[in-house]
Amino acid sequence: MFHWLRGLLERKSRADAAQADAAQGGQEAMADDFKAVGGCRCDNNPVRFEYTKRPFETHFCCCTDCTDICGGALALISVVERNAFRVTQGEGKIHNYDTKATCHRRFCKDCGCHMFLYVDGFPDFVLVHVPTVDRECDVGTLPDRWVFTASKHPLVMIPDDGLPRHHGWANSPNAG
């Protein structure tokens, strides 16, 4: 199993168990009316998506895979439960590009916008490229760390934001 989402799977198992316990005890699980929506940059028939559960975590990634594919100095990624994520419009416009044999990035075929990705080892999660979430939406969780800082471009200066910095991957302190 990939180590970088192991904590998320463990946290999901604990959350599912807690919800089942609450349901058995006659207590109704607390409803969270959360929803984030986003999509590509097309003016006509854009790809649109939504997720209806807060992400397990959000992080800043400086790895070359993420930065090269998004064309920026860093990637801002939210890890969302797959069963809470859906494409609501323009699904036929989505194309795949595998940056690794196990990493499947989804783009709009018309505007080229990279919106989200899947990793084979974690069929229960979608990694959402946060800049594609509509600006007026709450993403759901704040970033909790910087990862792959050893791979950052030499001109990039990470701000003094108080978040932990890791040379490679590190699980979220909030992921379990």
N, C-alpha and C. Protein backbone atom coordinates (compact mmCIF):
# COMPACT_ATOMS: atom_id res chain seq x y z
N MET A 1 0.85 -1.18 0.00
CA MET A 1 0.00 0.00 0.00
C MET A 1 0.89 1.24 0.00
N PHE A 2 0.49 2.24 -0.75
CA PHE A 2 1.20 3.50 -0.73
C PHE A 2 1.13 4.06 0.68
N HIS A 3 2.25 4.49 1.20
CA HIS A 3 2.27 5.00 2.58
C HIS A 3 1.59 6.34 2.72
N TRP A 4 1.49 7.11 1.65
CA TRP A 4 1.04 8.49 1.80
C TRP A 4 -0.46 8.64 2.02
N LEU A 5 -1.25 7.60 1.79
CA LEU A 5 -2.68 7.70 2.10
C LEU A 5 -3.11 6.69 3.17
N ARG A 6 -2.17 5.94 3.70
CA ARG A 6 -2.50 4.93 4.71
C ARG A 6 -3.25 5.55 5.88
N GLY A 7 -2.78 6.70 6.37
CA GLY A 7 -3.45 7.36 7.48
C GLY A 7 -4.87 7.77 7.14
N LEU A 8 -5.10 8.14 5.89
CA LEU A 8 -6.45 8.52 5.47
C LEU A 8 -7.38 7.32 5.50
N LEU A 9 -6.90 6.17 5.04
CA LEU A 9 -7.72 4.97 5.06
C LEU A 9 -8.07 4.58 6.48
N GLU A 10 -7.09 4.70 7.38
CA GLU A 10 -7.34 4.37 8.78
C GLU A 10 -8.35 5.34 9.38
N ARG A 11 -8.22 6.61 9.07
CA ARG A 11 -9.16 7.60 9.59
C ARG A 11 -10.56 7.36 9.05
N LYS A 12 -10.67 7.01 7.76
CA LYS A 12 -11.97 6.72 7.17
C LYS A 12 -12.60 5.53 7.86
N SER A 13 -11.84 4.49 8.15
CA SER A 13 -12.37 3.32 8.84
C SER A 13 -12.90 3.69 10.21
N ARG A 14 -12.15 4.52 10.94
CA ARG A 14 -12.61 4.95 12.27
C ARG A 14 -13.88 5.80 12.16
N ALA A 15 -13.94 6.69 11.17
CA ALA A 15 -15.12 7.54 10.99
C ALA A 15 -16.34 6.70 10.62
N ASP A 16 -16.15 5.71 9.73
CA ASP A 16 -17.26 4.82 9.36
C ASP A 16 -17.75 4.03 10.56
N ALA A 17 -16.82 3.54 11.38
CA ALA A 17 -17.20 2.79 12.57
C ALA A 17 -17.95 3.67 13.56
N ALA A 18 -17.50 4.91 13.74
CA ALA A 18 -18.18 5.83 14.66
C ALA A 18 -19.59 6.14 14.18
N GLN A 19 -19.74 6.31 12.87
CA GLN A 19 -21.06 6.59 12.32
C GLN A 19 -21.98 5.38 12.50
N ALA A 20 -21.47 4.18 12.31
CA ALA A 20 -22.27 2.97 12.50
C ALA A 20 -22.67 2.82 13.97
N ASP A 21 -21.74 3.12 14.88
CA ASP A 21 -22.05 3.06 16.32
C ASP A 21 -23.15 4.05 16.67
N ALA A 22 -23.08 5.25 16.14
CA ALA A 22 -24.09 6.27 16.41
C ALA A 22 -25.46 5.84 15.89
N ALA A 23 -25.47 5.23 14.71
CA ALA A 23 -26.72 4.78 14.13
C ALA A 23 -27.33 3.65 14.94
N GLN A 24 -26.50 2.73 15.44
CA GLN A 24 -26.99 1.62 16.24
C GLN A 24 -27.51 2.09 17.59
N GLY A 25 -26.92 3.13 18.10
CA GLY A 25 -27.32 3.65 19.41
C GLY A 25 -28.55 4.52 19.33
N GLY A 26 -29.17 4.62 18.18
CA GLY A 26 -30.37 5.43 18.04
C GLY A 26 -30.07 6.91 17.88
N GLN A 27 -28.80 7.26 17.83
CA GLN A 27 -28.44 8.67 17.65
C GLN A 27 -28.29 8.92 16.16
N GLU A 28 -28.78 10.03 15.74
CA GLU A 28 -28.66 10.39 14.34
C GLU A 28 -27.30 11.04 14.13
N ALA A 29 -26.59 10.61 13.09
CA ALA A 29 -25.30 11.24 12.79
C ALA A 29 -25.54 12.70 12.46
N MET A 30 -24.65 13.53 12.95
CA MET A 30 -24.79 14.96 12.71
C MET A 30 -24.64 15.27 11.22
N ALA A 31 -25.59 15.96 10.69
CA ALA A 31 -25.56 16.28 9.26
C ALA A 31 -24.63 17.47 9.02
N ASP A 32 -23.82 17.33 8.00
CA ASP A 32 -22.95 18.42 7.58
C ASP A 32 -23.43 18.80 6.19
N ASP A 33 -23.97 19.97 6.04
CA ASP A 33 -24.52 20.39 4.77
C ASP A 33 -23.44 20.90 3.82
N PHE A 34 -22.26 20.36 3.93
CA PHE A 34 -21.13 20.81 3.14
C PHE A 34 -21.28 20.41 1.67
N LYS A 35 -20.89 21.31 0.78
CA LYS A 35 -20.77 20.99 -0.65
C LYS A 35 -19.80 21.98 -1.28
N ALA A 36 -18.86 21.44 -2.03
CA ALA A 36 -17.94 22.27 -2.83
C ALA A 36 -18.16 21.91 -4.29
N VAL A 37 -18.11 22.91 -5.15
CA VAL A 37 -18.29 22.68 -6.58
C VAL A 37 -17.13 23.34 -7.33
N GLY A 38 -16.86 22.81 -8.50
CA GLY A 38 -15.79 23.37 -9.31
C GLY A 38 -15.86 22.85 -10.72
N GLY A 39 -14.81 23.12 -11.49
CA GLY A 39 -14.79 22.65 -12.85
C GLY A 39 -13.68 23.25 -13.67
N CYS A 40 -13.80 23.04 -14.98
CA CYS A 40 -12.79 23.53 -15.91
C CYS A 40 -13.04 25.00 -16.25
N ARG A 41 -12.27 25.53 -17.19
CA ARG A 41 -12.35 26.95 -17.53
C ARG A 41 -13.17 27.24 -18.79
N CYS A 42 -13.78 26.23 -19.36
CA CYS A 42 -14.57 26.44 -20.58
C CYS A 42 -15.77 27.33 -20.32
N ASP A 43 -16.06 28.21 -21.25
CA ASP A 43 -17.26 29.04 -21.17
C ASP A 43 -18.50 28.26 -21.60
N ASN A 44 -18.36 27.41 -22.61
CA ASN A 44 -19.48 26.63 -23.13
C ASN A 44 -19.35 25.18 -22.68
N ASN A 45 -20.39 24.67 -22.07
CA ASN A 45 -20.45 23.29 -21.60
C ASN A 45 -19.21 22.89 -20.80
N PRO A 46 -18.92 23.59 -19.72
CA PRO A 46 -17.74 23.24 -18.93
C PRO A 46 -17.93 21.92 -18.19
N VAL A 47 -16.83 21.26 -17.89
CA VAL A 47 -16.87 20.12 -16.97
C VAL A 47 -17.14 20.71 -15.59
N ARG A 48 -18.07 20.12 -14.86
CA ARG A 48 -18.38 20.56 -13.50
C ARG A 48 -18.36 19.35 -12.58
N PHE A 49 -17.91 19.56 -11.36
CA PHE A 49 -17.89 18.49 -10.36
C PHE A 49 -18.32 19.05 -9.02
N GLU A 50 -18.60 18.14 -8.09
CA GLU A 50 -18.92 18.53 -6.73
C GLU A 50 -18.44 17.44 -5.78
N TYR A 51 -18.19 17.84 -4.54
CA TYR A 51 -18.01 16.85 -3.48
C TYR A 51 -18.78 17.33 -2.26
N THR A 52 -19.36 16.35 -1.55
CA THR A 52 -20.32 16.66 -0.50
C THR A 52 -19.87 16.24 0.89
N LYS A 53 -18.61 15.91 1.03
CA LYS A 53 -18.00 15.66 2.34
C LYS A 53 -16.72 16.47 2.39
N ARG A 54 -16.42 16.98 3.56
CA ARG A 54 -15.16 17.71 3.72
C ARG A 54 -13.99 16.77 3.45
N PRO A 55 -12.95 17.27 2.79
CA PRO A 55 -11.78 16.41 2.52
C PRO A 55 -11.15 15.93 3.83
N PHE A 56 -10.49 14.78 3.74
CA PHE A 56 -9.73 14.29 4.89
C PHE A 56 -8.57 15.23 5.19
N GLU A 57 -7.99 15.79 4.15
CA GLU A 57 -6.88 16.71 4.34
C GLU A 57 -6.61 17.47 3.06
N THR A 58 -5.89 18.58 3.22
CA THR A 58 -5.45 19.40 2.10
C THR A 58 -3.98 19.73 2.35
N HIS A 59 -3.17 19.71 1.29
CA HIS A 59 -1.75 19.99 1.45
C HIS A 59 -1.18 20.73 0.24
N PHE A 60 -0.04 21.39 0.47
CA PHE A 60 0.73 22.01 -0.60
C PHE A 60 1.75 20.98 -1.06
N CYS A 61 1.82 20.73 -2.36
CA CYS A 61 2.77 19.75 -2.89
C CYS A 61 3.74 20.44 -3.84
N CYS A 62 5.01 20.19 -3.64
CA CYS A 62 6.06 20.76 -4.50
C CYS A 62 6.75 19.69 -5.35
N CYS A 63 6.17 18.48 -5.43
CA CYS A 63 6.81 17.42 -6.22
C CYS A 63 6.80 17.80 -7.70
N THR A 64 7.74 17.29 -8.44
CA THR A 64 7.83 17.64 -9.86
C THR A 64 6.66 17.09 -10.65
N ASP A 65 6.11 15.97 -10.26
CA ASP A 65 4.95 15.41 -10.95
C ASP A 65 3.78 16.39 -10.90
N CYS A 66 3.46 16.87 -9.71
CA CYS A 66 2.34 17.82 -9.56
C CYS A 66 2.64 19.17 -10.18
N THR A 67 3.82 19.71 -9.92
CA THR A 67 4.11 21.06 -10.41
C THR A 67 4.24 21.08 -11.94
N ASP A 68 4.85 20.05 -12.50
CA ASP A 68 4.97 20.01 -13.96
C ASP A 68 3.60 19.92 -14.63
N ILE A 69 2.71 19.11 -14.07
CA ILE A 69 1.42 18.90 -14.71
C ILE A 69 0.51 20.12 -14.56
N CYS A 70 0.63 20.85 -13.44
CA CYS A 70 -0.23 22.02 -13.26
C CYS A 70 0.43 23.29 -13.79
N GLY A 71 1.71 23.21 -14.13
CA GLY A 71 2.39 24.37 -14.69
C GLY A 71 2.61 25.49 -13.70
N GLY A 72 2.66 25.16 -12.43
CA GLY A 72 2.85 26.17 -11.40
C GLY A 72 3.98 25.83 -10.45
N ALA A 73 4.19 26.69 -9.49
CA ALA A 73 5.26 26.50 -8.52
C ALA A 73 4.92 25.45 -7.47
N LEU A 74 3.64 25.20 -7.29
CA LEU A 74 3.18 24.20 -6.32
C LEU A 74 1.80 23.74 -6.72
N ALA A 75 1.38 22.65 -6.13
CA ALA A 75 0.00 22.17 -6.32
C ALA A 75 -0.68 22.20 -4.96
N LEU A 76 -1.93 22.55 -4.95
CA LEU A 76 -2.74 22.55 -3.74
C LEU A 76 -3.78 21.46 -3.93
N ILE A 77 -3.70 20.42 -3.10
CA ILE A 77 -4.47 19.20 -3.29
C ILE A 77 -5.35 18.91 -2.08
N SER A 78 -6.62 18.58 -2.33
CA SER A 78 -7.53 18.10 -1.28
C SER A 78 -7.87 16.64 -1.57
N VAL A 79 -7.80 15.82 -0.54
CA VAL A 79 -8.10 14.39 -0.66
C VAL A 79 -9.54 14.16 -0.21
N VAL A 80 -10.37 13.73 -1.15
CA VAL A 80 -11.81 13.63 -0.97
C VAL A 80 -12.25 12.18 -1.11
N GLU A 81 -13.22 11.76 -0.30
CA GLU A 81 -13.79 10.42 -0.46
C GLU A 81 -14.45 10.30 -1.82
N ARG A 82 -14.14 9.23 -2.50
CA ARG A 82 -14.66 9.05 -3.86
C ARG A 82 -16.18 8.98 -3.89
N ASN A 83 -16.79 8.38 -2.85
CA ASN A 83 -18.25 8.26 -2.85
C ASN A 83 -18.94 9.60 -2.59
N ALA A 84 -18.20 10.62 -2.24
CA ALA A 84 -18.76 11.96 -2.04
C ALA A 84 -18.48 12.88 -3.23
N PHE A 85 -17.80 12.36 -4.25
CA PHE A 85 -17.36 13.14 -5.41
C PHE A 85 -18.14 12.68 -6.64
N ARG A 86 -18.56 13.64 -7.47
CA ARG A 86 -19.18 13.26 -8.74
C ARG A 86 -19.02 14.37 -9.76
N VAL A 87 -18.92 13.96 -11.01
CA VAL A 87 -18.94 14.89 -12.13
C VAL A 87 -20.40 15.17 -12.43
N THR A 88 -20.77 16.44 -12.47
CA THR A 88 -22.17 16.82 -12.67
C THR A 88 -22.48 17.30 -14.08
N GLN A 89 -21.44 17.58 -14.87
CA GLN A 89 -21.65 18.09 -16.23
C GLN A 89 -20.38 17.90 -17.04
N GLY A 90 -20.54 17.63 -18.32
CA GLY A 90 -19.40 17.60 -19.24
C GLY A 90 -18.50 16.40 -19.11
N GLU A 91 -18.99 15.29 -18.59
CA GLU A 91 -18.13 14.12 -18.36
C GLU A 91 -17.45 13.63 -19.65
N GLY A 92 -18.13 13.78 -20.78
CA GLY A 92 -17.56 13.35 -22.06
C GLY A 92 -16.35 14.16 -22.49
N LYS A 93 -16.11 15.31 -21.87
CA LYS A 93 -14.96 16.15 -22.21
C LYS A 93 -13.72 15.79 -21.40
N ILE A 94 -13.86 14.89 -20.44
CA ILE A 94 -12.73 14.56 -19.56
C ILE A 94 -11.83 13.54 -20.23
N HIS A 95 -10.55 13.86 -20.26
CA HIS A 95 -9.53 12.95 -20.77
C HIS A 95 -8.54 12.64 -19.66
N ASN A 96 -7.86 11.52 -19.83
CA ASN A 96 -6.90 11.04 -18.84
C ASN A 96 -5.47 11.21 -19.34
N TYR A 97 -4.58 11.50 -18.41
CA TYR A 97 -3.14 11.46 -18.68
C TYR A 97 -2.48 10.81 -17.48
N ASP A 98 -1.78 9.71 -17.72
CA ASP A 98 -1.09 9.01 -16.64
C ASP A 98 0.31 9.57 -16.47
N THR A 99 0.55 10.25 -15.35
CA THR A 99 1.89 10.77 -15.08
C THR A 99 2.78 9.69 -14.47
N LYS A 100 2.17 8.66 -13.96
CA LYS A 100 2.84 7.45 -13.49
C LYS A 100 1.88 6.31 -13.84
N ALA A 101 2.34 5.08 -13.80
CA ALA A 101 1.47 3.96 -14.15
C ALA A 101 0.26 3.87 -13.22
N THR A 102 0.37 4.41 -12.02
CA THR A 102 -0.71 4.31 -11.04
C THR A 102 -1.39 5.64 -10.75
N CYS A 103 -1.04 6.68 -11.48
CA CYS A 103 -1.54 8.03 -11.22
C CYS A 103 -2.26 8.55 -12.46
N HIS A 104 -3.58 8.70 -12.36
CA HIS A 104 -4.43 9.02 -13.51
C HIS A 104 -5.04 10.41 -13.33
N ARG A 105 -4.50 11.37 -14.07
CA ARG A 105 -4.92 12.77 -13.96
C ARG A 105 -5.99 13.07 -14.98
N ARG A 106 -7.03 13.81 -14.53
CA ARG A 106 -8.16 14.12 -15.40
C ARG A 106 -8.13 15.58 -15.82
N PHE A 107 -8.24 15.78 -17.13
CA PHE A 107 -8.18 17.09 -17.77
C PHE A 107 -9.41 17.31 -18.63
N CYS A 108 -9.76 18.56 -18.86
CA CYS A 108 -10.75 18.90 -19.88
C CYS A 108 -10.05 18.84 -21.23
N LYS A 109 -10.63 18.11 -22.18
CA LYS A 109 -9.99 17.99 -23.51
C LYS A 109 -10.00 19.29 -24.29
N ASP A 110 -10.91 20.23 -23.93
CA ASP A 110 -10.99 21.49 -24.67
C ASP A 110 -10.08 22.57 -24.12
N CYS A 111 -10.16 22.83 -22.81
CA CYS A 111 -9.36 23.93 -22.25
C CYS A 111 -8.06 23.47 -21.60
N GLY A 112 -7.91 22.16 -21.38
CA GLY A 112 -6.68 21.63 -20.81
C GLY A 112 -6.59 21.69 -19.30
N CYS A 113 -7.63 22.12 -18.65
CA CYS A 113 -7.61 22.29 -17.19
C CYS A 113 -7.48 20.94 -16.47
N HIS A 114 -6.48 20.83 -15.59
CA HIS A 114 -6.30 19.64 -14.75
C HIS A 114 -7.16 19.81 -13.50
N MET A 115 -8.15 18.92 -13.32
CA MET A 115 -9.13 19.10 -12.26
C MET A 115 -8.95 18.15 -11.08
N PHE A 116 -8.65 16.89 -11.35
CA PHE A 116 -8.55 15.90 -10.27
C PHE A 116 -7.78 14.70 -10.77
N LEU A 117 -7.45 13.79 -9.86
CA LEU A 117 -6.73 12.58 -10.21
C LEU A 117 -7.12 11.44 -9.31
N TYR A 118 -6.83 10.23 -9.82
CA TYR A 118 -7.05 8.99 -9.09
C TYR A 118 -5.71 8.28 -8.95
N VAL A 119 -5.54 7.58 -7.84
CA VAL A 119 -4.35 6.76 -7.63
C VAL A 119 -4.84 5.33 -7.43
N ASP A 120 -4.31 4.39 -8.22
CA ASP A 120 -4.80 3.01 -8.23
C ASP A 120 -4.89 2.38 -6.84
N GLY A 121 -3.89 2.61 -6.02
CA GLY A 121 -3.84 1.96 -4.72
C GLY A 121 -4.89 2.45 -3.75
N PHE A 122 -5.63 3.50 -4.10
CA PHE A 122 -6.61 4.10 -3.21
C PHE A 122 -7.92 4.35 -3.95
N PRO A 123 -8.64 3.28 -4.23
CA PRO A 123 -9.87 3.43 -5.01
C PRO A 123 -10.96 4.22 -4.29
N ASP A 124 -10.80 4.46 -2.99
CA ASP A 124 -11.83 5.18 -2.23
C ASP A 124 -11.63 6.69 -2.21
N PHE A 125 -10.60 7.21 -2.90
CA PHE A 125 -10.29 8.64 -2.82
C PHE A 125 -10.09 9.27 -4.19
N VAL A 126 -10.42 10.56 -4.26
CA VAL A 126 -10.13 11.41 -5.41
C VAL A 126 -9.28 12.55 -4.88
N LEU A 127 -8.23 12.91 -5.59
CA LEU A 127 -7.40 14.04 -5.21
C LEU A 127 -7.80 15.22 -6.09
N VAL A 128 -8.39 16.23 -5.47
CA VAL A 128 -8.92 17.38 -6.20
C VAL A 128 -7.88 18.48 -6.25
N HIS A 129 -7.66 19.00 -7.45
CA HIS A 129 -6.76 20.15 -7.65
C HIS A 129 -7.54 21.39 -7.19
N VAL A 130 -7.22 21.90 -6.01
CA VAL A 130 -8.00 22.94 -5.33
C VAL A 130 -8.26 24.19 -6.19
N PRO A 131 -7.33 24.67 -7.00
CA PRO A 131 -7.64 25.87 -7.79
C PRO A 131 -8.82 25.71 -8.74
N THR A 132 -9.28 24.47 -8.97
CA THR A 132 -10.44 24.28 -9.84
C THR A 132 -11.75 24.33 -9.07
N VAL A 133 -11.69 24.44 -7.74
CA VAL A 133 -12.91 24.63 -6.94
C VAL A 133 -13.31 26.10 -7.07
N ASP A 134 -14.60 26.34 -7.25
CA ASP A 134 -15.08 27.72 -7.41
C ASP A 134 -14.60 28.58 -6.25
N ARG A 135 -14.17 29.78 -6.56
CA ARG A 135 -13.57 30.68 -5.57
C ARG A 135 -14.49 31.00 -4.40
N GLU A 136 -15.80 31.04 -4.63
CA GLU A 136 -16.71 31.37 -3.54
C GLU A 136 -17.01 30.18 -2.64
N CYS A 137 -16.49 28.99 -2.98
CA CYS A 137 -16.75 27.79 -2.19
C CYS A 137 -15.70 27.60 -1.10
N ASP A 138 -16.14 27.04 0.00
CA ASP A 138 -15.24 26.56 1.03
C ASP A 138 -14.67 25.25 0.53
N VAL A 139 -13.37 25.13 0.47
CA VAL A 139 -12.73 23.89 0.02
C VAL A 139 -13.03 22.75 1.00
N GLY A 140 -13.16 23.07 2.26
CA GLY A 140 -13.52 22.06 3.26
C GLY A 140 -12.51 21.86 4.35
N THR A 141 -11.23 21.98 4.02
CA THR A 141 -10.16 21.90 5.02
C THR A 141 -9.03 22.82 4.60
N LEU A 142 -8.36 23.38 5.56
CA LEU A 142 -7.20 24.22 5.26
C LEU A 142 -5.97 23.35 5.06
N PRO A 143 -5.00 23.80 4.27
CA PRO A 143 -3.76 23.04 4.13
C PRO A 143 -3.09 22.87 5.49
N ASP A 144 -2.52 21.68 5.70
CA ASP A 144 -1.90 21.41 6.99
C ASP A 144 -0.40 21.14 6.92
N ARG A 145 0.18 21.16 5.70
CA ARG A 145 1.62 20.92 5.59
C ARG A 145 2.09 21.16 4.15
N TRP A 146 3.41 21.23 4.01
CA TRP A 146 4.07 21.29 2.72
C TRP A 146 4.79 19.96 2.54
N VAL A 147 4.66 19.34 1.34
CA VAL A 147 5.35 18.08 1.08
C VAL A 147 6.22 18.20 -0.17
N PHE A 148 7.24 17.37 -0.22
CA PHE A 148 8.22 17.32 -1.31
C PHE A 148 8.91 18.67 -1.51
N THR A 149 9.24 19.31 -0.41
CA THR A 149 9.91 20.61 -0.51
C THR A 149 11.31 20.49 -1.11
N ALA A 150 11.92 19.32 -1.02
CA ALA A 150 13.24 19.13 -1.63
C ALA A 150 13.16 19.19 -3.15
N SER A 151 11.97 19.00 -3.71
CA SER A 151 11.77 19.02 -5.16
C SER A 151 11.34 20.38 -5.69
N LYS A 152 11.11 21.34 -4.82
CA LYS A 152 10.59 22.63 -5.28
C LYS A 152 11.57 23.31 -6.23
N HIS A 153 11.03 24.15 -7.08
CA HIS A 153 11.86 24.91 -8.00
C HIS A 153 12.75 25.84 -7.17
N PRO A 154 14.01 26.05 -7.59
CA PRO A 154 14.92 26.89 -6.80
C PRO A 154 14.45 28.34 -6.60
N LEU A 155 13.62 28.85 -7.48
CA LEU A 155 13.13 30.22 -7.33
C LEU A 155 11.94 30.35 -6.38
N VAL A 156 11.37 29.22 -6.00
CA VAL A 156 10.20 29.23 -5.11
C VAL A 156 10.66 29.39 -3.66
N MET A 157 10.07 30.36 -2.99
CA MET A 157 10.34 30.56 -1.57
C MET A 157 9.06 30.24 -0.80
N ILE A 158 9.15 29.26 0.08
CA ILE A 158 8.00 28.87 0.88
C ILE A 158 7.81 29.90 1.99
N PRO A 159 6.60 30.42 2.13
CA PRO A 159 6.38 31.46 3.13
C PRO A 159 6.49 30.93 4.56
N ASP A 160 6.73 31.82 5.47
CA ASP A 160 6.78 31.46 6.88
C ASP A 160 5.34 31.43 7.40
N ASP A 161 4.63 30.33 7.10
CA ASP A 161 3.21 30.22 7.43
C ASP A 161 2.95 29.34 8.65
N GLY A 162 4.01 28.83 9.26
CA GLY A 162 3.86 28.00 10.45
C GLY A 162 3.53 26.55 10.16
N LEU A 163 3.31 26.18 8.90
CA LEU A 163 3.00 24.79 8.57
C LEU A 163 4.28 23.97 8.50
N PRO A 164 4.19 22.69 8.89
CA PRO A 164 5.38 21.83 8.77
C PRO A 164 5.79 21.67 7.32
N ARG A 165 7.09 21.52 7.13
CA ARG A 165 7.67 21.30 5.80
C ARG A 165 8.37 19.95 5.81
N HIS A 166 8.14 19.18 4.74
CA HIS A 166 8.72 17.84 4.66
C HIS A 166 9.44 17.70 3.33
N HIS A 167 10.66 17.17 3.36
CA HIS A 167 11.45 17.01 2.13
C HIS A 167 10.80 16.04 1.16
N GLY A 168 10.10 15.04 1.69
CA GLY A 168 9.38 14.06 0.86
C GLY A 168 7.94 14.03 1.31
N TRP A 169 7.33 12.85 1.21
CA TRP A 169 5.95 12.70 1.65
C TRP A 169 5.90 12.60 3.16
N ALA A 170 4.84 13.10 3.76
CA ALA A 170 4.54 12.92 5.17
C ALA A 170 3.03 12.92 5.32
N ASN A 171 2.52 11.97 6.08
CA ASN A 171 1.07 11.93 6.31
C ASN A 171 0.63 13.19 7.04
N SER A 172 -0.61 13.54 6.81
CA SER A 172 -1.20 14.67 7.50
C SER A 172 -1.30 14.38 8.98
N PRO A 173 -1.00 15.37 9.82
CA PRO A 173 -1.20 15.17 11.26
C PRO A 173 -2.69 15.00 11.57
N ASN A 174 -3.57 15.39 10.66
CA ASN A 174 -5.02 15.29 10.88
C ASN A 174 -5.58 13.99 10.30
N ALA A 175 -4.77 13.19 9.62
CA ALA A 175 -5.27 12.02 8.91
C ALA A 175 -5.28 10.77 9.78
N GLY A 176 -4.92 10.88 11.00
CA GLY A 176 -5.00 9.69 11.84
C GLY A 176 -3.67 9.31 12.31
